[in-house]
N, C-alpha and C. Protein backbone atom coordinates (compact mmCIF):
# COMPACT_ATOMS: atom_id res chain seq x y z
N MET A 1 98.29 94.34 66.51
CA MET A 1 98.43 94.79 67.88
C MET A 1 97.24 94.25 68.67
N ILE A 2 97.49 93.91 69.92
CA ILE A 2 96.45 93.43 70.84
C ILE A 2 96.26 94.47 71.94
N THR A 3 95.02 94.88 72.14
CA THR A 3 94.68 95.78 73.24
C THR A 3 94.01 94.96 74.33
N HIS A 4 94.49 95.14 75.55
CA HIS A 4 94.03 94.41 76.74
C HIS A 4 93.45 95.45 77.70
N VAL A 5 92.16 95.35 77.97
CA VAL A 5 91.47 96.30 78.85
C VAL A 5 90.94 95.54 80.06
N VAL A 6 91.25 96.04 81.25
CA VAL A 6 90.77 95.42 82.48
C VAL A 6 90.14 96.50 83.35
N LEU A 7 88.95 96.20 83.86
CA LEU A 7 88.24 97.10 84.77
C LEU A 7 88.20 96.47 86.15
N PHE A 8 88.49 97.27 87.17
CA PHE A 8 88.51 96.78 88.54
C PHE A 8 87.52 97.56 89.40
N LYS A 9 86.69 96.83 90.13
CA LYS A 9 85.86 97.42 91.18
C LYS A 9 86.51 96.98 92.48
N LEU A 10 86.88 97.93 93.31
CA LEU A 10 87.63 97.62 94.53
C LEU A 10 86.71 97.38 95.72
N LYS A 11 87.19 96.58 96.66
CA LYS A 11 86.45 96.36 97.91
C LYS A 11 86.36 97.67 98.69
N ASP A 12 87.48 98.36 98.79
CA ASP A 12 87.55 99.66 99.46
C ASP A 12 87.55 100.72 98.36
N ARG A 13 86.45 101.44 98.24
CA ARG A 13 86.30 102.40 97.15
C ARG A 13 86.68 103.83 97.57
N SER A 14 87.46 103.94 98.63
CA SER A 14 87.90 105.26 99.07
C SER A 14 88.89 105.85 98.07
N PRO A 15 88.98 107.17 98.00
CA PRO A 15 89.95 107.79 97.09
C PRO A 15 91.38 107.31 97.31
N ALA A 16 91.78 107.10 98.55
CA ALA A 16 93.14 106.65 98.83
C ALA A 16 93.39 105.25 98.28
N SER A 17 92.42 104.36 98.43
CA SER A 17 92.55 102.99 97.93
C SER A 17 92.60 102.97 96.40
N ILE A 18 91.77 103.77 95.78
CA ILE A 18 91.74 103.85 94.32
C ILE A 18 93.06 104.41 93.80
N GLU A 19 93.58 105.44 94.44
CA GLU A 19 94.86 106.03 94.04
C GLU A 19 96.00 105.03 94.19
N LYS A 20 95.97 104.25 95.27
CA LYS A 20 97.01 103.24 95.48
C LYS A 20 96.98 102.20 94.37
N ALA A 21 95.78 101.71 94.02
CA ALA A 21 95.65 100.73 92.95
C ALA A 21 96.16 101.32 91.63
N ARG A 22 95.79 102.55 91.34
CA ARG A 22 96.25 103.23 90.12
C ARG A 22 97.77 103.31 90.08
N ASP A 23 98.36 103.72 91.18
CA ASP A 23 99.82 103.88 91.24
C ASP A 23 100.53 102.54 91.08
N ILE A 24 99.99 101.49 91.68
CA ILE A 24 100.59 100.16 91.56
C ILE A 24 100.53 99.69 90.12
N LEU A 25 99.39 99.88 89.46
CA LEU A 25 99.26 99.50 88.06
C LEU A 25 100.21 100.30 87.17
N LEU A 26 100.33 101.59 87.43
CA LEU A 26 101.26 102.42 86.65
C LEU A 26 102.71 101.99 86.85
N GLY A 27 102.98 101.30 87.96
CA GLY A 27 104.31 100.79 88.22
C GLY A 27 104.78 99.75 87.22
N LEU A 28 103.86 99.23 86.39
CA LEU A 28 104.23 98.28 85.34
C LEU A 28 105.01 98.96 84.21
N LYS A 29 104.83 100.26 84.06
CA LYS A 29 105.42 101.00 82.94
C LYS A 29 106.94 100.89 82.95
N GLY A 30 107.48 100.47 81.80
CA GLY A 30 108.92 100.39 81.63
C GLY A 30 109.57 99.16 82.23
N LYS A 31 108.79 98.26 82.82
CA LYS A 31 109.37 97.10 83.50
C LYS A 31 109.16 95.78 82.77
N ILE A 32 108.32 95.79 81.73
CA ILE A 32 108.04 94.57 80.97
C ILE A 32 108.22 94.91 79.50
N SER A 33 109.20 94.28 78.86
CA SER A 33 109.57 94.68 77.50
C SER A 33 108.43 94.51 76.49
N GLN A 34 107.56 93.56 76.70
CA GLN A 34 106.46 93.32 75.76
C GLN A 34 105.36 94.38 75.85
N LEU A 35 105.32 95.12 76.93
CA LEU A 35 104.28 96.12 77.15
C LEU A 35 104.59 97.37 76.33
N ARG A 36 103.81 97.60 75.27
CA ARG A 36 104.05 98.72 74.35
C ARG A 36 103.37 100.01 74.77
N PHE A 37 102.27 99.90 75.52
CA PHE A 37 101.49 101.07 75.92
C PHE A 37 100.76 100.73 77.20
N ILE A 38 100.67 101.69 78.10
CA ILE A 38 99.87 101.51 79.31
C ILE A 38 99.20 102.83 79.65
N GLU A 39 97.94 102.74 80.01
CA GLU A 39 97.19 103.88 80.53
C GLU A 39 96.32 103.36 81.66
N VAL A 40 96.27 104.12 82.73
CA VAL A 40 95.43 103.76 83.87
C VAL A 40 94.57 104.97 84.19
N GLY A 41 93.27 104.73 84.31
CA GLY A 41 92.35 105.81 84.63
C GLY A 41 91.46 105.43 85.79
N THR A 42 90.96 106.44 86.48
CA THR A 42 90.03 106.21 87.58
C THR A 42 88.68 106.82 87.25
N ASP A 43 87.64 106.20 87.74
CA ASP A 43 86.27 106.59 87.44
C ASP A 43 85.96 107.99 87.95
N VAL A 44 85.24 108.75 87.14
CA VAL A 44 84.83 110.10 87.54
C VAL A 44 83.34 110.20 87.83
N LEU A 45 82.55 109.19 87.45
CA LEU A 45 81.10 109.24 87.67
C LEU A 45 80.67 108.70 89.02
N HIS A 46 81.33 107.64 89.47
CA HIS A 46 81.02 107.01 90.76
C HIS A 46 79.57 106.53 90.84
N SER A 47 79.07 105.99 89.75
CA SER A 47 77.72 105.43 89.76
C SER A 47 77.76 104.00 90.30
N GLU A 48 76.62 103.45 90.58
CA GLU A 48 76.53 102.09 91.12
C GLU A 48 77.16 101.08 90.16
N ARG A 49 77.01 101.29 88.88
CA ARG A 49 77.53 100.32 87.90
C ARG A 49 78.98 100.58 87.50
N SER A 50 79.54 101.69 87.96
CA SER A 50 80.91 102.05 87.58
C SER A 50 81.95 101.13 88.20
N TYR A 51 83.01 100.93 87.46
CA TYR A 51 84.21 100.31 88.01
C TYR A 51 85.12 101.45 88.46
N ASP A 52 86.05 101.14 89.36
CA ASP A 52 86.88 102.18 89.97
C ASP A 52 88.13 102.53 89.16
N VAL A 53 88.74 101.51 88.56
CA VAL A 53 90.01 101.69 87.87
C VAL A 53 89.97 100.95 86.54
N ALA A 54 90.49 101.59 85.50
CA ALA A 54 90.62 100.96 84.18
C ALA A 54 92.09 100.88 83.81
N LEU A 55 92.49 99.70 83.34
CA LEU A 55 93.85 99.47 82.85
C LEU A 55 93.76 99.18 81.36
N ILE A 56 94.47 99.95 80.55
CA ILE A 56 94.50 99.73 79.11
C ILE A 56 95.96 99.51 78.73
N THR A 57 96.23 98.35 78.12
CA THR A 57 97.58 98.03 77.70
C THR A 57 97.55 97.54 76.26
N LYS A 58 98.69 97.67 75.57
CA LYS A 58 98.80 97.23 74.18
C LYS A 58 100.07 96.40 74.01
N PHE A 59 99.94 95.39 73.15
CA PHE A 59 101.03 94.45 72.88
C PHE A 59 101.12 94.21 71.38
N ASP A 60 102.30 93.88 70.88
CA ASP A 60 102.48 93.62 69.46
C ASP A 60 101.78 92.36 68.99
N SER A 61 101.61 91.38 69.89
CA SER A 61 101.04 90.09 69.49
C SER A 61 100.38 89.42 70.68
N MET A 62 99.61 88.38 70.39
CA MET A 62 99.00 87.59 71.45
C MET A 62 100.08 86.91 72.29
N GLU A 63 101.17 86.51 71.64
CA GLU A 63 102.29 85.89 72.37
C GLU A 63 102.89 86.87 73.37
N ASP A 64 103.00 88.13 72.99
CA ASP A 64 103.52 89.14 73.92
C ASP A 64 102.57 89.36 75.09
N LEU A 65 101.27 89.35 74.83
CA LEU A 65 100.29 89.46 75.92
C LEU A 65 100.43 88.28 76.87
N GLN A 66 100.59 87.09 76.31
CA GLN A 66 100.75 85.90 77.16
C GLN A 66 102.04 85.96 77.97
N ALA A 67 103.11 86.47 77.39
CA ALA A 67 104.37 86.62 78.13
C ALA A 67 104.21 87.63 79.26
N TYR A 68 103.49 88.70 79.01
CA TYR A 68 103.18 89.71 80.03
C TYR A 68 102.41 89.09 81.19
N GLN A 69 101.44 88.24 80.87
CA GLN A 69 100.58 87.64 81.90
C GLN A 69 101.38 86.84 82.93
N VAL A 70 102.49 86.24 82.51
CA VAL A 70 103.28 85.40 83.42
C VAL A 70 104.58 86.07 83.87
N HIS A 71 104.79 87.31 83.48
CA HIS A 71 106.00 88.04 83.87
C HIS A 71 105.97 88.28 85.38
N PRO A 72 107.10 88.09 86.07
CA PRO A 72 107.14 88.27 87.53
C PRO A 72 106.65 89.63 88.02
N VAL A 73 106.94 90.70 87.30
CA VAL A 73 106.47 92.03 87.71
C VAL A 73 104.94 92.09 87.63
N HIS A 74 104.37 91.57 86.55
CA HIS A 74 102.91 91.54 86.42
C HIS A 74 102.29 90.68 87.51
N LEU A 75 102.88 89.54 87.79
CA LEU A 75 102.34 88.65 88.82
C LEU A 75 102.33 89.31 90.19
N GLU A 76 103.35 90.09 90.50
CA GLU A 76 103.42 90.79 91.78
C GLU A 76 102.33 91.86 91.87
N VAL A 77 102.14 92.61 90.80
CA VAL A 77 101.08 93.62 90.75
C VAL A 77 99.71 92.94 90.84
N ALA A 78 99.53 91.87 90.09
CA ALA A 78 98.26 91.14 90.08
C ALA A 78 97.92 90.59 91.46
N LYS A 79 98.93 90.16 92.19
CA LYS A 79 98.71 89.63 93.54
C LYS A 79 98.04 90.69 94.42
N TYR A 80 98.55 91.91 94.39
CA TYR A 80 97.94 92.98 95.18
C TYR A 80 96.54 93.31 94.66
N ILE A 81 96.43 93.52 93.36
CA ILE A 81 95.15 93.95 92.78
C ILE A 81 94.08 92.89 93.02
N MET A 82 94.41 91.63 92.88
CA MET A 82 93.41 90.57 93.08
C MET A 82 92.95 90.52 94.54
N SER A 83 93.81 90.87 95.47
CA SER A 83 93.40 90.89 96.88
C SER A 83 92.54 92.11 97.19
N ALA A 84 92.70 93.18 96.41
CA ALA A 84 91.98 94.43 96.66
C ALA A 84 90.67 94.54 95.88
N LYS A 85 90.49 93.70 94.88
CA LYS A 85 89.33 93.85 94.00
C LYS A 85 88.10 93.14 94.53
N GLU A 86 86.96 93.76 94.24
CA GLU A 86 85.67 93.13 94.49
C GLU A 86 85.25 92.35 93.25
N SER A 87 85.45 92.96 92.09
CA SER A 87 85.15 92.29 90.82
C SER A 87 86.05 92.85 89.73
N VAL A 88 86.13 92.09 88.65
CA VAL A 88 86.99 92.47 87.53
C VAL A 88 86.30 92.07 86.23
N ALA A 89 86.50 92.87 85.20
CA ALA A 89 86.03 92.55 83.85
C ALA A 89 87.17 92.84 82.90
N ALA A 90 87.28 92.04 81.85
CA ALA A 90 88.38 92.23 80.90
C ALA A 90 87.92 91.94 79.48
N VAL A 91 88.60 92.58 78.54
CA VAL A 91 88.40 92.30 77.12
C VAL A 91 89.73 92.47 76.42
N ASP A 92 89.98 91.60 75.45
CA ASP A 92 91.19 91.65 74.63
C ASP A 92 90.74 91.68 73.17
N PHE A 93 91.31 92.60 72.39
CA PHE A 93 90.89 92.69 70.99
C PHE A 93 92.03 93.15 70.11
N GLU A 94 91.92 92.85 68.81
CA GLU A 94 92.90 93.31 67.85
C GLU A 94 92.65 94.78 67.56
N SER A 95 93.73 95.55 67.49
CA SER A 95 93.62 96.99 67.28
C SER A 95 94.76 97.48 66.40
N ASN A 96 94.72 98.75 66.08
CA ASN A 96 95.78 99.38 65.28
C ASN A 96 96.87 99.92 66.17
């Protein structure tokens, strides 16, 4: 299994903007067959180094992650998120 974690720091860090980003990311659920698990969380500390939104997804294989990356639903979500983000960090790793 591959776990894909992405952290987003938004340009607009207001609660409404963060909630919108969270809701848009959660909109991926059930729309991409390769996506086995999705969790989206928002930061509770609000420190200077904190990111605003975390996306955690799981896939059966690296090939499934790659298929997800180019899926039209993911691309539409990514288009919005990339326009709203100030910075992004990601990590992909093998998991159980």
